[in-house]
């Protein structure tokens, strides 16, 4: 090897190897179209000369960015952060799945200030597709972009007439499961903690109402619209407990974070769980088995959800118009109910 030879680009490496630039490009991409010995010889030459192809230039040629945009839209829950336990759990599963596909994850927490926020992302040329973690109050914007931009999938509800492709649990059924469990435990006065502006939480509330209607208990439900951040939820629930008499004996929380905040507030007010009040959350995050008492909840299979999101996205990148996927929720009974 002549160490004085400077390899600045694929053309230089091709000249050194005695092959065409196209052969070098395919060999560096480990294409099976190039004979194994030729691939290995070219790859060894590249290592010897510390040559790394310009990935950005390659992506421009093949019209691929090599990255997937993962967006967290917070149109109504502007106080939530990426450190939220639900987001962290979902992001971990997505990052693993995207890495296995050879793509980077470009993460952004978005507080929409105008209807073009999603257009700017999909038209930026920086991503090959977009995964939304949640729909927030942005259904109209998401549907409008999805009508012209195929590689877009969202974690969230699947509603009648919805344009965009989504993956999520059957939130209505999950709300029913939680509420029916409390009815079966003898509860007769109920509270739902969560802001129904979000379609997922709205569906959970509808499931709660369905179960109560079937039991003839529709008149025994109060709704506390709380945000999904722990401290904000705790403050709102504490104030509510100060003013509410009698306290309902069955609480359905829109998320495990809200349920955890409820457990804390109830304990501070001297209310025994489950002695006086039964509590059920939603998600089954890791900490649900660590609270005191341990938290009954409705499990969403987030690992399966992330796998579906990535699979559907790459099928859509390839041009396939995929259908939405619904996951079955599962009631997990622990000490809080």
Protein backbone atom coordinates (compact mmCIF):
# COMPACT_ATOMS: atom_id res chain seq x y z
CA UNK A 1 0.00 0.00 0.00
CA UNK A 2 1.19 3.50 -0.86
CA UNK A 3 0.52 5.57 2.25
CA UNK A 4 1.22 8.75 0.28
CA UNK A 5 -1.92 8.26 -1.81
CA UNK A 6 -4.64 10.55 -0.56
CA UNK A 7 -8.18 9.18 -0.80
CA UNK A 8 -10.58 12.11 -0.59
CA UNK A 9 -13.63 10.65 -2.31
CA UNK A 10 -15.11 7.56 -3.93
CA UNK A 11 -13.47 8.40 -7.26
CA UNK A 12 -9.99 8.36 -5.64
CA UNK A 13 -10.72 5.04 -3.95
CA UNK A 14 -12.05 3.58 -7.23
CA UNK A 15 -8.88 4.65 -9.02
CA UNK A 16 -6.75 3.02 -6.33
CA UNK A 17 -8.81 -0.20 -6.43
CA UNK A 18 -8.95 -0.32 -10.23
CA UNK A 19 -12.74 -0.42 -10.35
CA UNK A 20 -15.57 1.97 -11.14
CA UNK A 21 -16.89 4.49 -8.57
CA UNK A 22 -20.25 2.67 -8.70
CA UNK A 23 -18.58 -0.57 -7.67
CA UNK A 24 -16.88 1.19 -4.76
CA UNK A 25 -20.17 2.74 -3.65
CA UNK A 26 -21.94 -0.61 -3.69
CA UNK A 27 -19.03 -2.38 -1.98
CA UNK A 28 -18.96 0.15 0.87
CA UNK A 29 -22.71 -0.38 1.28
CA UNK A 30 -21.92 -4.14 1.47
CA UNK A 31 -24.11 -4.84 -1.55
CA UNK A 32 -24.41 -8.52 -2.44
CA UNK A 33 -24.26 -7.49 -6.11
CA UNK A 34 -20.49 -7.15 -5.72
CA UNK A 35 -18.38 -10.29 -5.37
CA UNK A 36 -17.37 -10.96 -1.77
CA UNK A 37 -13.60 -10.81 -2.43
CA UNK A 38 -13.97 -7.52 -4.29
CA UNK A 39 -16.14 -6.07 -1.50
CA UNK A 40 -13.63 -7.09 1.16
CA UNK A 41 -10.67 -5.69 -0.83
CA UNK A 42 -12.38 -2.32 -1.32
CA UNK A 43 -13.53 -2.16 2.30
CA UNK A 44 -9.98 -2.94 3.47
CA UNK A 45 -8.57 -0.18 1.25
CA UNK A 46 -11.11 2.24 2.71
CA UNK A 47 -10.01 1.32 6.25
CA UNK A 48 -6.31 1.63 5.39
CA UNK A 49 -6.84 5.13 4.03
CA UNK A 50 -9.30 6.10 6.80
CA UNK A 51 -11.91 6.85 4.15
CA UNK A 52 -15.52 7.31 5.18
CA UNK A 53 -18.11 8.03 2.51
CA UNK A 54 -20.09 11.25 2.77
CA UNK A 55 -23.35 9.89 4.13
CA UNK A 56 -25.18 13.16 3.60
CA UNK A 57 -24.19 13.28 -0.05
CA UNK A 58 -25.20 9.66 -0.49
CA UNK A 59 -28.58 10.32 1.11
CA UNK A 60 -29.16 13.25 -1.21
CA UNK A 61 -28.48 11.01 -4.22
CA UNK A 62 -30.86 8.28 -3.06
CA UNK A 63 -33.35 10.79 -1.63
CA UNK A 64 -33.06 9.39 1.87
CA UNK A 65 -32.21 11.28 5.05
CA UNK A 66 -31.40 8.24 7.17
CA UNK A 67 -33.40 9.62 10.08
CA UNK A 68 -36.94 9.33 11.41
CA UNK A 69 -38.60 12.29 13.07
CA UNK A 70 -40.16 11.35 16.41
CA UNK A 71 -42.39 14.21 17.55
CA UNK A 72 -44.23 14.76 20.81
CA UNK A 73 -46.98 17.31 20.07
CA UNK A 74 -48.17 19.13 23.17
CA UNK A 75 -51.05 21.29 22.05
CA UNK A 76 -52.95 21.03 25.33
CA UNK A 77 -50.44 19.54 27.78
CA UNK A 78 -47.72 22.18 27.37
CA UNK A 79 -46.33 21.40 30.82
CA UNK A 80 -45.30 17.84 29.94
CA UNK A 81 -41.65 17.09 29.29
CA UNK A 82 -39.73 14.36 27.50
CA UNK A 83 -38.78 13.06 30.95
CA UNK A 84 -42.42 12.02 31.47
CA UNK A 85 -42.35 8.26 32.32
CA UNK A 86 -44.70 7.38 29.45
CA UNK A 87 -42.60 9.24 26.87
CA UNK A 88 -39.34 7.78 28.17
CA UNK A 89 -40.74 4.24 27.98
CA UNK A 90 -42.08 4.67 24.46
CA UNK A 91 -38.92 6.44 23.25
CA UNK A 92 -36.76 3.60 24.50
CA UNK A 93 -38.73 1.05 22.50
CA UNK A 94 -38.78 3.27 19.39
CA UNK A 95 -35.04 4.00 19.57
CA UNK A 96 -34.24 0.28 19.74
CA UNK A 97 -36.53 -0.55 16.82
CA UNK A 98 -35.25 2.30 14.62
CA UNK A 99 -31.62 1.44 15.35
CA UNK A 100 -32.28 -2.11 14.19
CA UNK A 101 -33.57 -0.60 10.93
CA UNK A 102 -30.39 1.43 10.50
CA UNK A 103 -32.06 4.81 11.06
CA UNK A 104 -31.34 7.63 13.48
CA UNK A 105 -34.04 9.13 15.67
CA UNK A 106 -34.57 12.88 15.42
CA UNK A 107 -36.53 13.82 18.53
CA UNK A 108 -38.55 16.98 19.00
CA UNK A 109 -41.00 18.12 21.66
CA UNK A 110 -43.41 20.43 19.84
CA UNK A 111 -45.74 23.02 21.31
CA UNK A 112 -47.81 23.96 18.23
CA UNK A 113 -48.11 27.70 17.75
CA UNK A 114 -49.59 27.62 14.23
CA UNK A 115 -51.20 25.01 11.93
CA UNK A 116 -48.01 24.58 9.84
CA UNK A 117 -45.82 23.02 12.54
CA UNK A 118 -46.11 19.52 11.06
CA UNK A 119 -45.78 20.72 7.45
CA UNK A 120 -42.43 22.25 8.32
CA UNK A 121 -41.13 18.95 9.65
CA UNK A 122 -42.26 16.71 6.80
CA UNK A 123 -41.09 19.20 4.14
CA UNK A 124 -37.69 19.84 5.75
CA UNK A 125 -35.88 17.02 3.94
CA UNK A 126 -34.28 16.02 7.23
CA UNK A 127 -36.38 12.90 7.84
CA UNK A 128 -37.64 9.92 5.85
CA UNK A 129 -40.84 9.71 7.88
CA UNK A 130 -42.50 10.86 11.08
CA UNK A 131 -43.77 9.09 14.19
CA UNK A 132 -46.00 11.11 16.51
CA UNK A 133 -46.19 10.10 20.16
CA UNK A 134 -49.72 11.25 20.87
CA UNK A 135 -52.24 13.30 18.95
CA UNK A 136 -52.92 15.97 21.61
CA UNK A 137 -55.55 18.40 20.31
CA UNK A 138 -53.97 18.37 16.85
CA UNK A 139 -56.17 15.85 15.01
CA UNK A 140 -57.15 18.28 12.24
CA UNK A 141 -53.54 19.25 11.56
CA UNK A 142 -52.35 15.64 11.58
CA UNK A 143 -55.11 14.53 9.21
CA UNK A 144 -54.42 17.40 6.80
CA UNK A 145 -50.74 16.52 6.52
CA UNK A 146 -51.44 12.78 6.36
CA UNK A 147 -53.70 13.34 3.35
CA UNK A 148 -50.65 14.31 1.29
CA UNK A 149 -47.71 12.77 3.17
CA UNK A 150 -47.75 8.97 3.39
CA UNK A 151 -44.89 8.11 5.80
CA UNK A 152 -46.64 9.38 8.92
CA UNK A 153 -47.93 7.28 11.84
CA UNK A 154 -49.14 8.28 15.29
CA UNK A 155 -49.50 6.64 18.67
CA UNK A 156 -53.02 7.38 19.81
CA UNK A 157 -56.70 6.83 19.24
CA UNK A 158 -58.30 5.43 16.09
CA UNK A 159 -61.44 7.49 15.56
CA UNK A 160 -64.20 7.25 12.96
CA UNK A 161 -63.28 9.19 9.82
CA UNK A 162 -59.65 9.51 10.84
CA UNK A 163 -57.27 10.05 7.90
CA UNK A 164 -53.90 9.33 9.49
CA UNK A 165 -52.60 5.89 10.43
CA UNK A 166 -52.43 5.25 14.17
CA UNK A 167 -51.41 2.59 16.65
CA UNK A 168 -52.92 2.48 20.12
CA UNK A 169 -54.88 0.52 22.64
CA UNK A 170 -58.67 0.34 22.57
CA UNK A 171 -59.03 3.25 25.00
CA UNK A 172 -62.79 2.95 25.26
CA UNK A 173 -62.51 -0.71 26.21
CA UNK A 174 -59.74 0.15 28.67
CA UNK A 175 -61.97 2.71 30.38
CA UNK A 176 -64.74 0.13 30.58
CA UNK A 177 -62.41 -2.49 32.09
CA UNK A 178 -61.21 -0.11 34.79
CA UNK A 179 -64.71 1.06 35.69
CA UNK A 180 -66.31 -2.38 35.63
CA UNK A 181 -63.61 -3.62 37.97
CA UNK A 182 -64.46 -0.88 40.45
CA UNK A 183 -68.18 -1.66 40.14
CA UNK A 184 -67.40 -5.32 40.82
CA UNK A 185 -65.45 -4.23 43.91
CA UNK A 186 -68.63 -2.61 45.26
CA UNK A 187 -67.91 1.03 44.36
CA UNK A 188 -71.03 3.13 43.80
CA UNK A 189 -69.71 6.69 43.53
CA UNK A 190 -67.02 7.49 40.97
CA UNK A 191 -64.56 10.13 39.83
CA UNK A 192 -62.62 10.32 36.57
CA UNK A 193 -59.33 12.23 36.71
CA UNK A 194 -58.10 13.42 33.29
CA UNK A 195 -58.51 16.07 30.61
CA UNK A 196 -60.79 14.73 27.83
CA UNK A 197 -59.44 17.24 25.30
CA UNK A 198 -57.01 14.51 24.22
CA UNK A 199 -58.77 11.87 22.05
CA UNK A 200 -57.20 8.99 23.99
CA UNK A 201 -58.43 10.30 27.33
CA UNK A 202 -61.80 11.23 25.87
CA UNK A 203 -62.21 7.62 24.74
CA UNK A 204 -61.26 6.33 28.20
CA UNK A 205 -63.90 8.59 29.72
CA UNK A 206 -66.49 7.30 27.25
CA UNK A 207 -65.63 3.74 28.23
CA UNK A 208 -66.11 4.70 31.86
CA UNK A 209 -69.52 6.19 31.08
CA UNK A 210 -70.54 3.10 29.12
CA UNK A 211 -69.80 0.80 32.05
CA UNK A 212 -71.63 3.06 34.48
CA UNK A 213 -74.66 3.31 32.19
CA UNK A 214 -74.88 -0.47 31.95
CA UNK A 215 -74.86 -0.66 35.76
CA UNK A 216 -77.44 2.13 36.16
CA UNK A 217 -74.85 4.39 37.79
CA UNK A 218 -74.57 7.18 35.22
CA UNK A 219 -75.57 9.83 37.76
CA UNK A 220 -72.74 8.90 40.10
CA UNK A 221 -69.73 10.21 38.15
CA UNK A 222 -67.76 13.40 38.70
CA UNK A 223 -64.99 14.53 36.35
CA UNK A 224 -61.86 16.38 37.43
CA UNK A 225 -60.00 17.77 34.41
CA UNK A 226 -56.36 17.44 35.49
CA UNK A 227 -53.14 17.71 33.52
CA UNK A 228 -50.88 14.70 33.10
CA UNK A 229 -47.86 16.14 34.92
CA UNK A 230 -47.39 14.75 38.43
CA UNK A 231 -47.13 17.98 40.42
CA UNK A 232 -49.95 19.74 38.57
CA UNK A 233 -52.20 16.70 38.96
CA UNK A 234 -51.33 16.36 42.65
CA UNK A 235 -52.18 20.00 43.34
CA UNK A 236 -55.50 19.79 41.50
CA UNK A 237 -56.48 16.54 43.21
CA UNK A 238 -55.52 17.89 46.65
CA UNK A 239 -57.68 20.96 46.14
CA UNK A 240 -60.53 18.77 44.91
CA UNK A 241 -60.28 16.55 47.99
CA UNK A 242 -60.46 19.64 50.21
CA UNK A 243 -63.79 20.60 48.65
CA UNK A 244 -65.43 17.24 47.91
CA UNK A 245 -67.70 15.50 50.41
CA UNK A 246 -68.24 12.64 50.36
CA UNK A 247 -65.17 11.45 48.48
CA UNK A 248 -66.08 8.95 45.73
CA UNK A 249 -65.14 5.37 46.54
CA UNK A 250 -63.93 4.60 43.00
CA UNK A 251 -61.36 6.68 41.08
CA UNK A 252 -60.46 6.06 37.44
CA UNK A 253 -57.28 7.93 36.51
CA UNK A 254 -56.45 8.74 32.89
CA UNK A 255 -52.82 7.69 33.37
CA UNK A 256 -50.54 6.05 35.89
CA UNK A 257 -48.88 9.41 36.59
CA UNK A 258 -52.28 10.88 37.54
CA UNK A 259 -53.11 7.78 39.59
CA UNK A 260 -49.79 8.03 41.44
CA UNK A 261 -50.55 11.69 42.19
CA UNK A 262 -53.98 10.65 43.46
CA UNK A 263 -52.46 8.04 45.80
CA UNK A 264 -50.16 10.70 47.25
CA UNK A 265 -52.97 13.25 47.71
CA UNK A 266 -55.31 10.68 49.26
CA UNK A 267 -52.62 9.60 51.72
CA UNK A 268 -51.96 13.21 52.68
CA UNK A 269 -55.69 13.64 53.38
CA UNK A 270 -55.80 10.53 55.56
CA UNK A 271 -57.91 8.57 53.06
CA UNK A 272 -57.14 4.84 53.04
CA UNK A 273 -56.56 3.08 49.71
CA UNK A 274 -58.19 0.65 49.10
CA UNK A 275 -60.05 0.75 52.42
CA UNK A 276 -62.06 3.88 51.64
CA UNK A 277 -61.24 4.55 47.99
CA UNK A 278 -60.30 2.20 45.16
CA UNK A 279 -57.96 3.59 42.47
CA UNK A 280 -57.18 2.35 38.94
CA UNK A 281 -54.65 3.95 36.59
CA UNK A 282 -53.85 3.53 32.91
CA UNK A 283 -50.64 2.45 31.08
CA UNK A 284 -48.94 0.01 33.51
CA UNK A 285 -45.63 1.83 33.57
CA UNK A 286 -42.72 0.36 35.53
CA UNK A 287 -43.41 2.36 38.68
CA UNK A 288 -47.00 1.03 38.93
CA UNK A 289 -45.65 -1.99 40.81
CA UNK A 290 -43.58 0.23 43.13
CA UNK A 291 -46.20 2.61 44.54
CA UNK A 292 -47.67 2.15 48.01
CA UNK A 293 -50.10 0.52 47.67
CA UNK A 294 -49.15 -1.02 44.32
CA UNK A 295 -51.26 0.38 41.53
CA UNK A 296 -54.05 -1.42 39.71
CA UNK A 297 -54.04 -0.22 36.12
CA UNK A 298 -54.94 -0.88 32.50
CA UNK A 299 -51.93 -2.16 30.62
CA UNK A 300 -50.99 -0.85 27.19
CA UNK A 301 -48.36 -3.02 25.49
CA UNK A 302 -45.94 -0.22 24.63
CA UNK A 303 -43.25 -2.54 23.30
CA UNK A 304 -45.70 -4.04 20.81
CA UNK A 305 -47.03 -0.58 20.05
CA UNK A 306 -43.57 0.76 19.20
CA UNK A 307 -42.86 -2.26 17.01
CA UNK A 308 -46.10 -1.67 15.09
CA UNK A 309 -45.33 2.05 14.70
CA UNK A 310 -41.93 1.36 13.17
CA UNK A 311 -43.16 -1.49 10.97
CA UNK A 312 -46.07 0.56 9.62
CA UNK A 313 -43.85 3.59 9.03
CA UNK A 314 -41.31 1.68 6.95
CA UNK A 315 -44.08 0.04 4.96
CA UNK A 316 -45.45 3.51 4.27
CA UNK A 317 -41.99 4.79 3.32
CA UNK A 318 -42.01 1.99 0.75
CA UNK A 319 -45.33 3.30 -0.61
CA UNK A 320 -47.89 1.08 1.13
CA UNK A 321 -51.02 2.73 2.51
CA UNK A 322 -51.37 0.80 5.77
CA UNK A 323 -54.37 0.57 8.07
CA UNK A 324 -54.37 1.58 11.73
CA UNK A 325 -53.64 -1.02 14.40
CA UNK A 326 -55.60 -1.44 17.64
CA UNK A 327 -54.11 -3.19 20.66
CA UNK A 328 -56.11 -4.99 23.34
CA UNK A 329 -55.88 -3.39 26.80
CA UNK A 330 -55.54 -5.63 29.84
CA UNK A 331 -56.65 -4.96 33.40
CA UNK A 332 -53.87 -5.53 35.93
CA UNK A 333 -55.23 -5.82 39.47
CA UNK A 334 -52.94 -4.86 42.34
CA UNK A 335 -53.41 -3.51 45.85
CA UNK A 336 -54.94 -0.09 45.10
CA UNK A 337 -58.29 -1.59 44.11
